[in-house]
PDB file of all heavy atoms in Angstrom:
ATOM      1  N   ASP A   1     -11.917  43.900 -12.132  1.00  0.00           N
ATOM      2  CA  ASP A   1     -12.055  42.979 -13.219  1.00  0.00           C
ATOM      3  C   ASP A   1     -10.871  41.942 -13.255  1.00  0.00           C
ATOM      4  O   ASP A   1     -11.142  40.728 -13.530  1.00  0.00           O
ATOM      5  CB  ASP A   1     -12.025  43.740 -14.558  1.00  0.00           C
ATOM      6  CG  ASP A   1     -13.222  44.637 -14.710  1.00  0.00           C
ATOM      7  OD1 ASP A   1     -14.226  44.381 -14.036  1.00  0.00           O
ATOM      8  OD2 ASP A   1     -13.152  45.600 -15.473  1.00  0.00           O
ATOM      9  N   GLY A   2      -9.695  42.405 -12.902  1.00  0.00           N
ATOM     10  CA  GLY A   2      -8.587  41.514 -12.858  1.00  0.00           C
ATOM     11  C   GLY A   2      -8.755  40.407 -11.748  1.00  0.00           C
ATOM     12  O   GLY A   2      -8.475  39.231 -11.927  1.00  0.00           O
ATOM     13  N   ASN A   3      -9.221  40.844 -10.600  1.00  0.00           N
ATOM     14  CA  ASN A   3      -9.428  39.904  -9.488  1.00  0.00           C
ATOM     15  C   ASN A   3     -10.586  38.937  -9.766  1.00  0.00           C
ATOM     16  O   ASN A   3     -10.547  37.814  -9.372  1.00  0.00           O
ATOM     17  CB  ASN A   3      -9.696  40.711  -8.197  1.00  0.00           C
ATOM     18  CG  ASN A   3      -8.418  41.320  -7.669  1.00  0.00           C
ATOM     19  OD1 ASN A   3      -7.353  40.835  -7.890  1.00  0.00           O
ATOM     20  ND2 ASN A   3      -8.560  42.426  -6.942  1.00  0.00           N
ATOM     21  N   ALA A   4     -11.624  39.443 -10.447  1.00  0.00           N
ATOM     22  CA  ALA A   4     -12.765  38.581 -10.791  1.00  0.00           C
ATOM     23  C   ALA A   4     -12.294  37.429 -11.723  1.00  0.00           C
ATOM     24  O   ALA A   4     -12.706  36.320 -11.599  1.00  0.00           O
ATOM     25  CB  ALA A   4     -13.851  39.421 -11.436  1.00  0.00           C
ATOM     26  N   LEU A   5     -11.397  37.799 -12.633  1.00  0.00           N
ATOM     27  CA  LEU A   5     -10.844  36.786 -13.547  1.00  0.00           C
ATOM     28  C   LEU A   5      -9.965  35.792 -12.723  1.00  0.00           C
ATOM     29  O   LEU A   5      -9.949  34.556 -13.033  1.00  0.00           O
ATOM     30  CB  LEU A   5      -9.990  37.473 -14.604  1.00  0.00           C
ATOM     31  CG  LEU A   5      -9.357  36.548 -15.643  1.00  0.00           C
ATOM     32  CD1 LEU A   5     -10.435  35.778 -16.404  1.00  0.00           C
ATOM     33  CD2 LEU A   5      -8.477  37.325 -16.632  1.00  0.00           C
ATOM     34  N   LYS A   6      -9.261  36.340 -11.720  1.00  0.00           N
ATOM     35  CA  LYS A   6      -8.403  35.489 -10.938  1.00  0.00           C
ATOM     36  C   LYS A   6      -9.185  34.392 -10.219  1.00  0.00           C
ATOM     37  O   LYS A   6      -8.718  33.236 -10.051  1.00  0.00           O
ATOM     38  CB  LYS A   6      -7.654  36.333  -9.914  1.00  0.00           C
ATOM     39  CG  LYS A   6      -6.751  35.538  -8.984  1.00  0.00           C
ATOM     40  CD  LYS A   6      -6.011  36.450  -8.027  1.00  0.00           C
ATOM     41  CE  LYS A   6      -5.127  35.658  -7.077  1.00  0.00           C
ATOM     42  NZ  LYS A   6      -4.443  36.535  -6.133  1.00  0.00           N
ATOM     43  N   PHE A   7     -10.438  34.746  -9.808  1.00  0.00           N
ATOM     44  CA  PHE A   7     -11.240  33.717  -9.087  1.00  0.00           C
ATOM     45  C   PHE A   7     -12.215  32.939  -9.989  1.00  0.00           C
ATOM     46  O   PHE A   7     -13.200  32.392  -9.495  1.00  0.00           O
ATOM     47  CB  PHE A   7     -12.050  34.482  -8.015  1.00  0.00           C
ATOM     48  CG  PHE A   7     -11.195  34.999  -6.940  1.00  0.00           C
ATOM     49  CD1 PHE A   7     -11.075  36.377  -6.770  1.00  0.00           C
ATOM     50  CD2 PHE A   7     -10.524  34.179  -6.044  1.00  0.00           C
ATOM     51  CE1 PHE A   7     -10.279  36.919  -5.721  1.00  0.00           C
ATOM     52  CE2 PHE A   7      -9.680  34.700  -5.063  1.00  0.00           C
ATOM     53  CZ  PHE A   7      -9.574  36.079  -4.907  1.00  0.00           C
ATOM     54  N   ASN A   8     -11.950  32.969 -11.240  1.00  0.00           N
ATOM     55  CA  ASN A   8     -12.724  32.190 -12.231  1.00  0.00           C
ATOM     56  C   ASN A   8     -12.603  30.679 -11.908  1.00  0.00           C
ATOM     57  O   ASN A   8     -11.537  30.225 -11.916  1.00  0.00           O
ATOM     58  CB  ASN A   8     -12.353  32.492 -13.650  1.00  0.00           C
ATOM     59  CG  ASN A   8     -13.333  31.914 -14.623  1.00  0.00           C
ATOM     60  OD1 ASN A   8     -14.105  31.002 -14.314  1.00  0.00           O
ATOM     61  ND2 ASN A   8     -13.351  32.470 -15.800  1.00  0.00           N
ATOM     62  N   TYR A   9     -13.738  30.025 -11.639  1.00  0.00           N
ATOM     63  CA  TYR A   9     -13.685  28.593 -11.285  1.00  0.00           C
ATOM     64  C   TYR A   9     -13.128  27.746 -12.387  1.00  0.00           C
ATOM     65  O   TYR A   9     -12.471  26.719 -12.103  1.00  0.00           O
ATOM     66  CB  TYR A   9     -15.121  28.137 -10.971  1.00  0.00           C
ATOM     67  CG  TYR A   9     -15.277  26.647 -10.904  1.00  0.00           C
ATOM     68  CD1 TYR A   9     -14.735  25.909  -9.854  1.00  0.00           C
ATOM     69  CD2 TYR A   9     -15.856  25.940 -11.985  1.00  0.00           C
ATOM     70  CE1 TYR A   9     -14.840  24.554  -9.834  1.00  0.00           C
ATOM     71  CE2 TYR A   9     -15.959  24.585 -11.952  1.00  0.00           C
ATOM     72  CZ  TYR A   9     -15.459  23.852 -10.852  1.00  0.00           C
ATOM     73  OH  TYR A   9     -15.607  22.529 -10.856  1.00  0.00           O
ATOM     74  N   TRP A  10     -13.297  28.140 -13.605  1.00  0.00           N
ATOM     75  CA  TRP A  10     -12.872  27.356 -14.736  1.00  0.00           C
ATOM     76  C   TRP A  10     -11.334  27.380 -15.007  1.00  0.00           C
ATOM     77  O   TRP A  10     -10.845  26.592 -15.769  1.00  0.00           O
ATOM     78  CB  TRP A  10     -13.647  27.780 -16.019  1.00  0.00           C
ATOM     79  CG  TRP A  10     -15.141  27.571 -15.851  1.00  0.00           C
ATOM     80  CD1 TRP A  10     -16.068  28.503 -15.633  1.00  0.00           C
ATOM     81  CD2 TRP A  10     -15.813  26.260 -15.757  1.00  0.00           C
ATOM     82  NE1 TRP A  10     -17.296  27.952 -15.533  1.00  0.00           N
ATOM     83  CE2 TRP A  10     -17.177  26.616 -15.567  1.00  0.00           C
ATOM     84  CE3 TRP A  10     -15.414  24.959 -15.830  1.00  0.00           C
ATOM     85  CZ2 TRP A  10     -18.158  25.592 -15.441  1.00  0.00           C
ATOM     86  CZ3 TRP A  10     -16.385  23.961 -15.721  1.00  0.00           C
ATOM     87  CH2 TRP A  10     -17.724  24.306 -15.581  1.00  0.00           C
ATOM     88  N   LEU A  11     -10.679  28.280 -14.357  1.00  0.00           N
ATOM     89  CA  LEU A  11      -9.242  28.313 -14.454  1.00  0.00           C
ATOM     90  C   LEU A  11      -8.559  27.210 -13.715  1.00  0.00           C
ATOM     91  O   LEU A  11      -9.014  26.911 -12.606  1.00  0.00           O
ATOM     92  CB  LEU A  11      -8.695  29.657 -13.991  1.00  0.00           C
ATOM     93  CG  LEU A  11      -9.060  30.886 -14.850  1.00  0.00           C
ATOM     94  CD1 LEU A  11      -8.477  32.174 -14.213  1.00  0.00           C
ATOM     95  CD2 LEU A  11      -8.558  30.705 -16.250  1.00  0.00           C
ATOM     96  N   PRO A  12      -7.551  26.527 -14.244  1.00  0.00           N
ATOM     97  CA  PRO A  12      -6.924  25.418 -13.513  1.00  0.00           C
ATOM     98  C   PRO A  12      -6.392  25.834 -12.140  1.00  0.00           C
ATOM     99  O   PRO A  12      -6.366  25.085 -11.215  1.00  0.00           O
ATOM    100  CB  PRO A  12      -5.792  24.999 -14.445  1.00  0.00           C
ATOM    101  CG  PRO A  12      -6.223  25.411 -15.805  1.00  0.00           C
ATOM    102  CD  PRO A  12      -7.005  26.673 -15.612  1.00  0.00           C
ATOM    103  N   SER A  13      -5.909  27.087 -12.034  1.00  0.00           N
ATOM    104  CA  SER A  13      -5.295  27.568 -10.796  1.00  0.00           C
ATOM    105  C   SER A  13      -6.380  27.726  -9.684  1.00  0.00           C
ATOM    106  O   SER A  13      -6.052  27.807  -8.507  1.00  0.00           O
ATOM    107  CB  SER A  13      -4.646  28.952 -10.995  1.00  0.00           C
ATOM    108  OG  SER A  13      -5.576  29.889 -11.490  1.00  0.00           O
ATOM    109  N   SER A  14      -7.637  27.759 -10.097  1.00  0.00           N
ATOM    110  CA  SER A  14      -8.697  27.899  -9.089  1.00  0.00           C
ATOM    111  C   SER A  14      -9.134  26.568  -8.469  1.00  0.00           C
ATOM    112  O   SER A  14      -9.934  26.563  -7.605  1.00  0.00           O
ATOM    113  CB  SER A  14      -9.939  28.558  -9.753  1.00  0.00           C
ATOM    114  OG  SER A  14      -9.598  29.817 -10.195  1.00  0.00           O
ATOM    115  N   ALA A  15      -8.633  25.480  -9.030  1.00  0.00           N
ATOM    116  CA  ALA A  15      -9.049  24.165  -8.567  1.00  0.00           C
ATOM    117  C   ALA A  15      -7.826  23.290  -8.300  1.00  0.00           C
ATOM    118  O   ALA A  15      -7.700  22.223  -8.946  1.00  0.00           O
ATOM    119  CB  ALA A  15     -10.011  23.506  -9.547  1.00  0.00           C
ATOM    120  N   PRO A  16      -6.888  23.671  -7.445  1.00  0.00           N
ATOM    121  CA  PRO A  16      -5.674  22.843  -7.223  1.00  0.00           C
ATOM    122  C   PRO A  16      -6.047  21.469  -6.655  1.00  0.00           C
ATOM    123  O   PRO A  16      -5.369  20.507  -6.953  1.00  0.00           O
ATOM    124  CB  PRO A  16      -4.876  23.682  -6.256  1.00  0.00           C
ATOM    125  CG  PRO A  16      -5.929  24.496  -5.519  1.00  0.00           C
ATOM    126  CD  PRO A  16      -6.959  24.823  -6.574  1.00  0.00           C
ATOM    127  N   ALA A  17      -7.049  21.408  -5.828  1.00  0.00           N
ATOM    128  CA  ALA A  17      -7.439  20.105  -5.232  1.00  0.00           C
ATOM    129  C   ALA A  17      -7.843  19.128  -6.299  1.00  0.00           C
ATOM    130  O   ALA A  17      -7.561  17.945  -6.250  1.00  0.00           O
ATOM    131  CB  ALA A  17      -8.568  20.302  -4.194  1.00  0.00           C
ATOM    132  N   VAL A  18      -8.577  19.611  -7.284  1.00  0.00           N
ATOM    133  CA  VAL A  18      -9.087  18.720  -8.365  1.00  0.00           C
ATOM    134  C   VAL A  18      -7.939  18.198  -9.194  1.00  0.00           C
ATOM    135  O   VAL A  18      -7.845  17.043  -9.552  1.00  0.00           O
ATOM    136  CB  VAL A  18     -10.062  19.496  -9.237  1.00  0.00           C
ATOM    137  CG1 VAL A  18     -10.541  18.625 -10.403  1.00  0.00           C
ATOM    138  CG2 VAL A  18     -11.281  19.972  -8.436  1.00  0.00           C
ATOM    139  N   GLU A  19      -6.980  19.117  -9.519  1.00  0.00           N
ATOM    140  CA  GLU A  19      -5.790  18.711 -10.264  1.00  0.00           C
ATOM    141  C   GLU A  19      -4.986  17.642  -9.535  1.00  0.00           C
ATOM    142  O   GLU A  19      -4.510  16.676 -10.104  1.00  0.00           O
ATOM    143  CB  GLU A  19      -4.929  19.937 -10.608  1.00  0.00           C
ATOM    144  CG  GLU A  19      -5.567  20.825 -11.665  1.00  0.00           C
ATOM    145  CD  GLU A  19      -4.562  21.880 -12.078  1.00  0.00           C
ATOM    146  OE1 GLU A  19      -3.544  22.072 -11.404  1.00  0.00           O
ATOM    147  OE2 GLU A  19      -4.796  22.504 -13.131  1.00  0.00           O
ATOM    148  N   ALA A  20      -4.796  17.839  -8.185  1.00  0.00           N
ATOM    149  CA  ALA A  20      -4.013  16.895  -7.401  1.00  0.00           C
ATOM    150  C   ALA A  20      -4.676  15.512  -7.490  1.00  0.00           C
ATOM    151  O   ALA A  20      -3.936  14.500  -7.560  1.00  0.00           O
ATOM    152  CB  ALA A  20      -3.912  17.375  -5.977  1.00  0.00           C
ATOM    153  N   ILE A  21      -5.967  15.436  -7.371  1.00  0.00           N
ATOM    154  CA  ILE A  21      -6.641  14.131  -7.365  1.00  0.00           C
ATOM    155  C   ILE A  21      -6.601  13.560  -8.777  1.00  0.00           C
ATOM    156  O   ILE A  21      -6.402  12.369  -8.932  1.00  0.00           O
ATOM    157  CB  ILE A  21      -8.103  14.301  -6.899  1.00  0.00           C
ATOM    158  CG1 ILE A  21      -8.167  14.774  -5.454  1.00  0.00           C
ATOM    159  CG2 ILE A  21      -8.896  13.022  -7.098  1.00  0.00           C
ATOM    160  CD1 ILE A  21      -9.518  15.143  -4.956  1.00  0.00           C
ATOM    161  N   HIS A  22      -6.770  14.396  -9.808  1.00  0.00           N
ATOM    162  CA  HIS A  22      -6.794  13.906 -11.164  1.00  0.00           C
ATOM    163  C   HIS A  22      -5.463  13.256 -11.530  1.00  0.00           C
ATOM    164  O   HIS A  22      -5.402  12.346 -12.349  1.00  0.00           O
ATOM    165  CB  HIS A  22      -7.121  15.027 -12.055  1.00  0.00           C
ATOM    166  CG  HIS A  22      -7.215  14.608 -13.539  1.00  0.00           C
ATOM    167  ND1 HIS A  22      -8.227  13.854 -14.020  1.00  0.00           N
ATOM    168  CD2 HIS A  22      -6.360  14.885 -14.577  1.00  0.00           C
ATOM    169  CE1 HIS A  22      -8.049  13.592 -15.297  1.00  0.00           C
ATOM    170  NE2 HIS A  22      -6.932  14.217 -15.660  1.00  0.00           N
ATOM    171  N   ASN A  23      -4.350  13.730 -10.971  1.00  0.00           N
ATOM    172  CA  ASN A  23      -3.048  13.245 -11.340  1.00  0.00           C
ATOM    173  C   ASN A  23      -2.679  11.962 -10.656  1.00  0.00           C
ATOM    174  O   ASN A  23      -1.650  11.354 -10.928  1.00  0.00           O
ATOM    175  CB  ASN A  23      -1.962  14.318 -10.976  1.00  0.00           C
ATOM    176  CG  ASN A  23      -2.073  15.510 -11.918  1.00  0.00           C
ATOM    177  OD1 ASN A  23      -2.551  15.405 -13.013  1.00  0.00           O
ATOM    178  ND2 ASN A  23      -1.603  16.686 -11.393  1.00  0.00           N
ATOM    179  N   ARG A  24      -3.497  11.474  -9.682  1.00  0.00           N
ATOM    180  CA  ARG A  24      -3.192  10.250  -9.025  1.00  0.00           C
ATOM    181  C   ARG A  24      -3.473   9.080  -9.969  1.00  0.00           C
ATOM    182  O   ARG A  24      -4.391   9.124 -10.809  1.00  0.00           O
ATOM    183  CB  ARG A  24      -4.055  10.112  -7.770  1.00  0.00           C
ATOM    184  CG  ARG A  24      -3.763  11.079  -6.698  1.00  0.00           C
ATOM    185  CD  ARG A  24      -4.706  10.858  -5.511  1.00  0.00           C
ATOM    186  NE  ARG A  24      -4.528  11.952  -4.497  1.00  0.00           N
ATOM    187  CZ  ARG A  24      -5.375  12.032  -3.462  1.00  0.00           C
ATOM    188  NH1 ARG A  24      -6.299  11.200  -3.274  1.00  0.00           N
ATOM    189  NH2 ARG A  24      -5.153  13.060  -2.590  1.00  0.00           N
ATOM    190  N   THR A  25      -2.710   7.996  -9.829  1.00  0.00           N
ATOM    191  CA  THR A  25      -2.957   6.812 -10.649  1.00  0.00           C
ATOM    192  C   THR A  25      -3.280   5.654  -9.772  1.00  0.00           C
ATOM    193  O   THR A  25      -2.791   5.504  -8.675  1.00  0.00           O
ATOM    194  CB  THR A  25      -1.675   6.447 -11.434  1.00  0.00           C
ATOM    195  OG1 THR A  25      -0.538   6.302 -10.506  1.00  0.00           O
ATOM    196  CG2 THR A  25      -1.332   7.530 -12.435  1.00  0.00           C
ATOM    197  N   PRO A  26      -4.273   4.801 -10.185  1.00  0.00           N
ATOM    198  CA  PRO A  26      -4.697   3.699  -9.362  1.00  0.00           C
ATOM    199  C   PRO A  26      -3.577   2.675  -9.171  1.00  0.00           C
ATOM    200  O   PRO A  26      -2.806   2.445 -10.114  1.00  0.00           O
ATOM    201  CB  PRO A  26      -5.851   3.119 -10.153  1.00  0.00           C
ATOM    202  CG  PRO A  26      -5.588   3.511 -11.565  1.00  0.00           C
ATOM    203  CD  PRO A  26      -4.968   4.856 -11.471  1.00  0.00           C
ATOM    204  N   PRO A  27      -3.477   2.080  -8.013  1.00  0.00           N
ATOM    205  CA  PRO A  27      -2.392   1.053  -7.794  1.00  0.00           C
ATOM    206  C   PRO A  27      -2.642  -0.179  -8.659  1.00  0.00           C
ATOM    207  O   PRO A  27      -3.777  -0.625  -8.811  1.00  0.00           O
ATOM    208  CB  PRO A  27      -2.541   0.764  -6.279  1.00  0.00           C
ATOM    209  CG  PRO A  27      -3.973   1.056  -5.967  1.00  0.00           C
ATOM    210  CD  PRO A  27      -4.321   2.193  -6.866  1.00  0.00           C
ATOM    211  N   VAL A  28      -1.600  -0.777  -9.163  1.00  0.00           N
ATOM    212  CA  VAL A  28      -1.678  -2.017  -9.966  1.00  0.00           C
ATOM    213  C   VAL A  28      -1.014  -3.079  -9.146  1.00  0.00           C
ATOM    214  O   VAL A  28       0.132  -3.006  -8.882  1.00  0.00           O
ATOM    215  CB  VAL A  28      -0.967  -1.815 -11.277  1.00  0.00           C
ATOM    216  CG1 VAL A  28      -1.077  -3.152 -12.066  1.00  0.00           C
ATOM    217  CG2 VAL A  28      -1.635  -0.727 -12.057  1.00  0.00           C
ATOM    218  N   GLY A  29      -1.783  -4.036  -8.642  1.00  0.00           N
ATOM    219  CA  GLY A  29      -1.305  -5.135  -7.872  1.00  0.00           C
ATOM    220  C   GLY A  29      -0.812  -6.290  -8.712  1.00  0.00           C
ATOM    221  O   GLY A  29      -1.177  -6.436  -9.856  1.00  0.00           O
ATOM    222  N   LYS A  30      -0.010  -7.130  -8.147  1.00  0.00           N
ATOM    223  CA  LYS A  30       0.500  -8.353  -8.821  1.00  0.00           C
ATOM    224  C   LYS A  30       0.113  -9.565  -7.987  1.00  0.00           C
ATOM    225  O   LYS A  30       0.076  -9.540  -6.775  1.00  0.00           O
ATOM    226  CB  LYS A  30       2.015  -8.293  -8.976  1.00  0.00           C
ATOM    227  CG  LYS A  30       2.495  -7.189  -9.884  1.00  0.00           C
ATOM    228  CD  LYS A  30       3.985  -7.202 -10.050  1.00  0.00           C
ATOM    229  CE  LYS A  30       4.506  -6.109 -10.998  1.00  0.00           C
ATOM    230  NZ  LYS A  30       5.982  -6.158 -11.153  1.00  0.00           N
ATOM    231  N   VAL A  31      -0.152 -10.678  -8.699  1.00  0.00           N
ATOM    232  CA  VAL A  31      -0.474 -11.931  -8.029  1.00  0.00           C
ATOM    233  C   VAL A  31       0.831 -12.483  -7.414  1.00  0.00           C
ATOM    234  O   VAL A  31       1.865 -12.588  -8.115  1.00  0.00           O
ATOM    235  CB  VAL A  31      -1.090 -12.917  -9.022  1.00  0.00           C
ATOM    236  CG1 VAL A  31      -1.355 -14.236  -8.282  1.00  0.00           C
ATOM    237  CG2 VAL A  31      -2.365 -12.382  -9.668  1.00  0.00           C
ATOM    238  N   LEU A  32       0.741 -12.849  -6.118  1.00  0.00           N
ATOM    239  CA  LEU A  32       1.920 -13.376  -5.492  1.00  0.00           C
ATOM    240  C   LEU A  32       1.842 -14.864  -5.244  1.00  0.00           C
ATOM    241  O   LEU A  32       0.747 -15.434  -5.112  1.00  0.00           O
ATOM    242  CB  LEU A  32       2.060 -12.707  -4.099  1.00  0.00           C
ATOM    243  CG  LEU A  32       2.148 -11.170  -4.101  1.00  0.00           C
ATOM    244  CD1 LEU A  32       2.264 -10.662  -2.662  1.00  0.00           C
ATOM    245  CD2 LEU A  32       3.300 -10.695  -4.940  1.00  0.00           C
TER     246      LEU A  32
END
């Protein structure tokens, strides 16, 4: 039961790749 909970998809720890992408911010360019 404990391990099944560990692999729950809905837990943030189960989707590190998603969190890494979500934390990225789009580049803001300036007119030169």
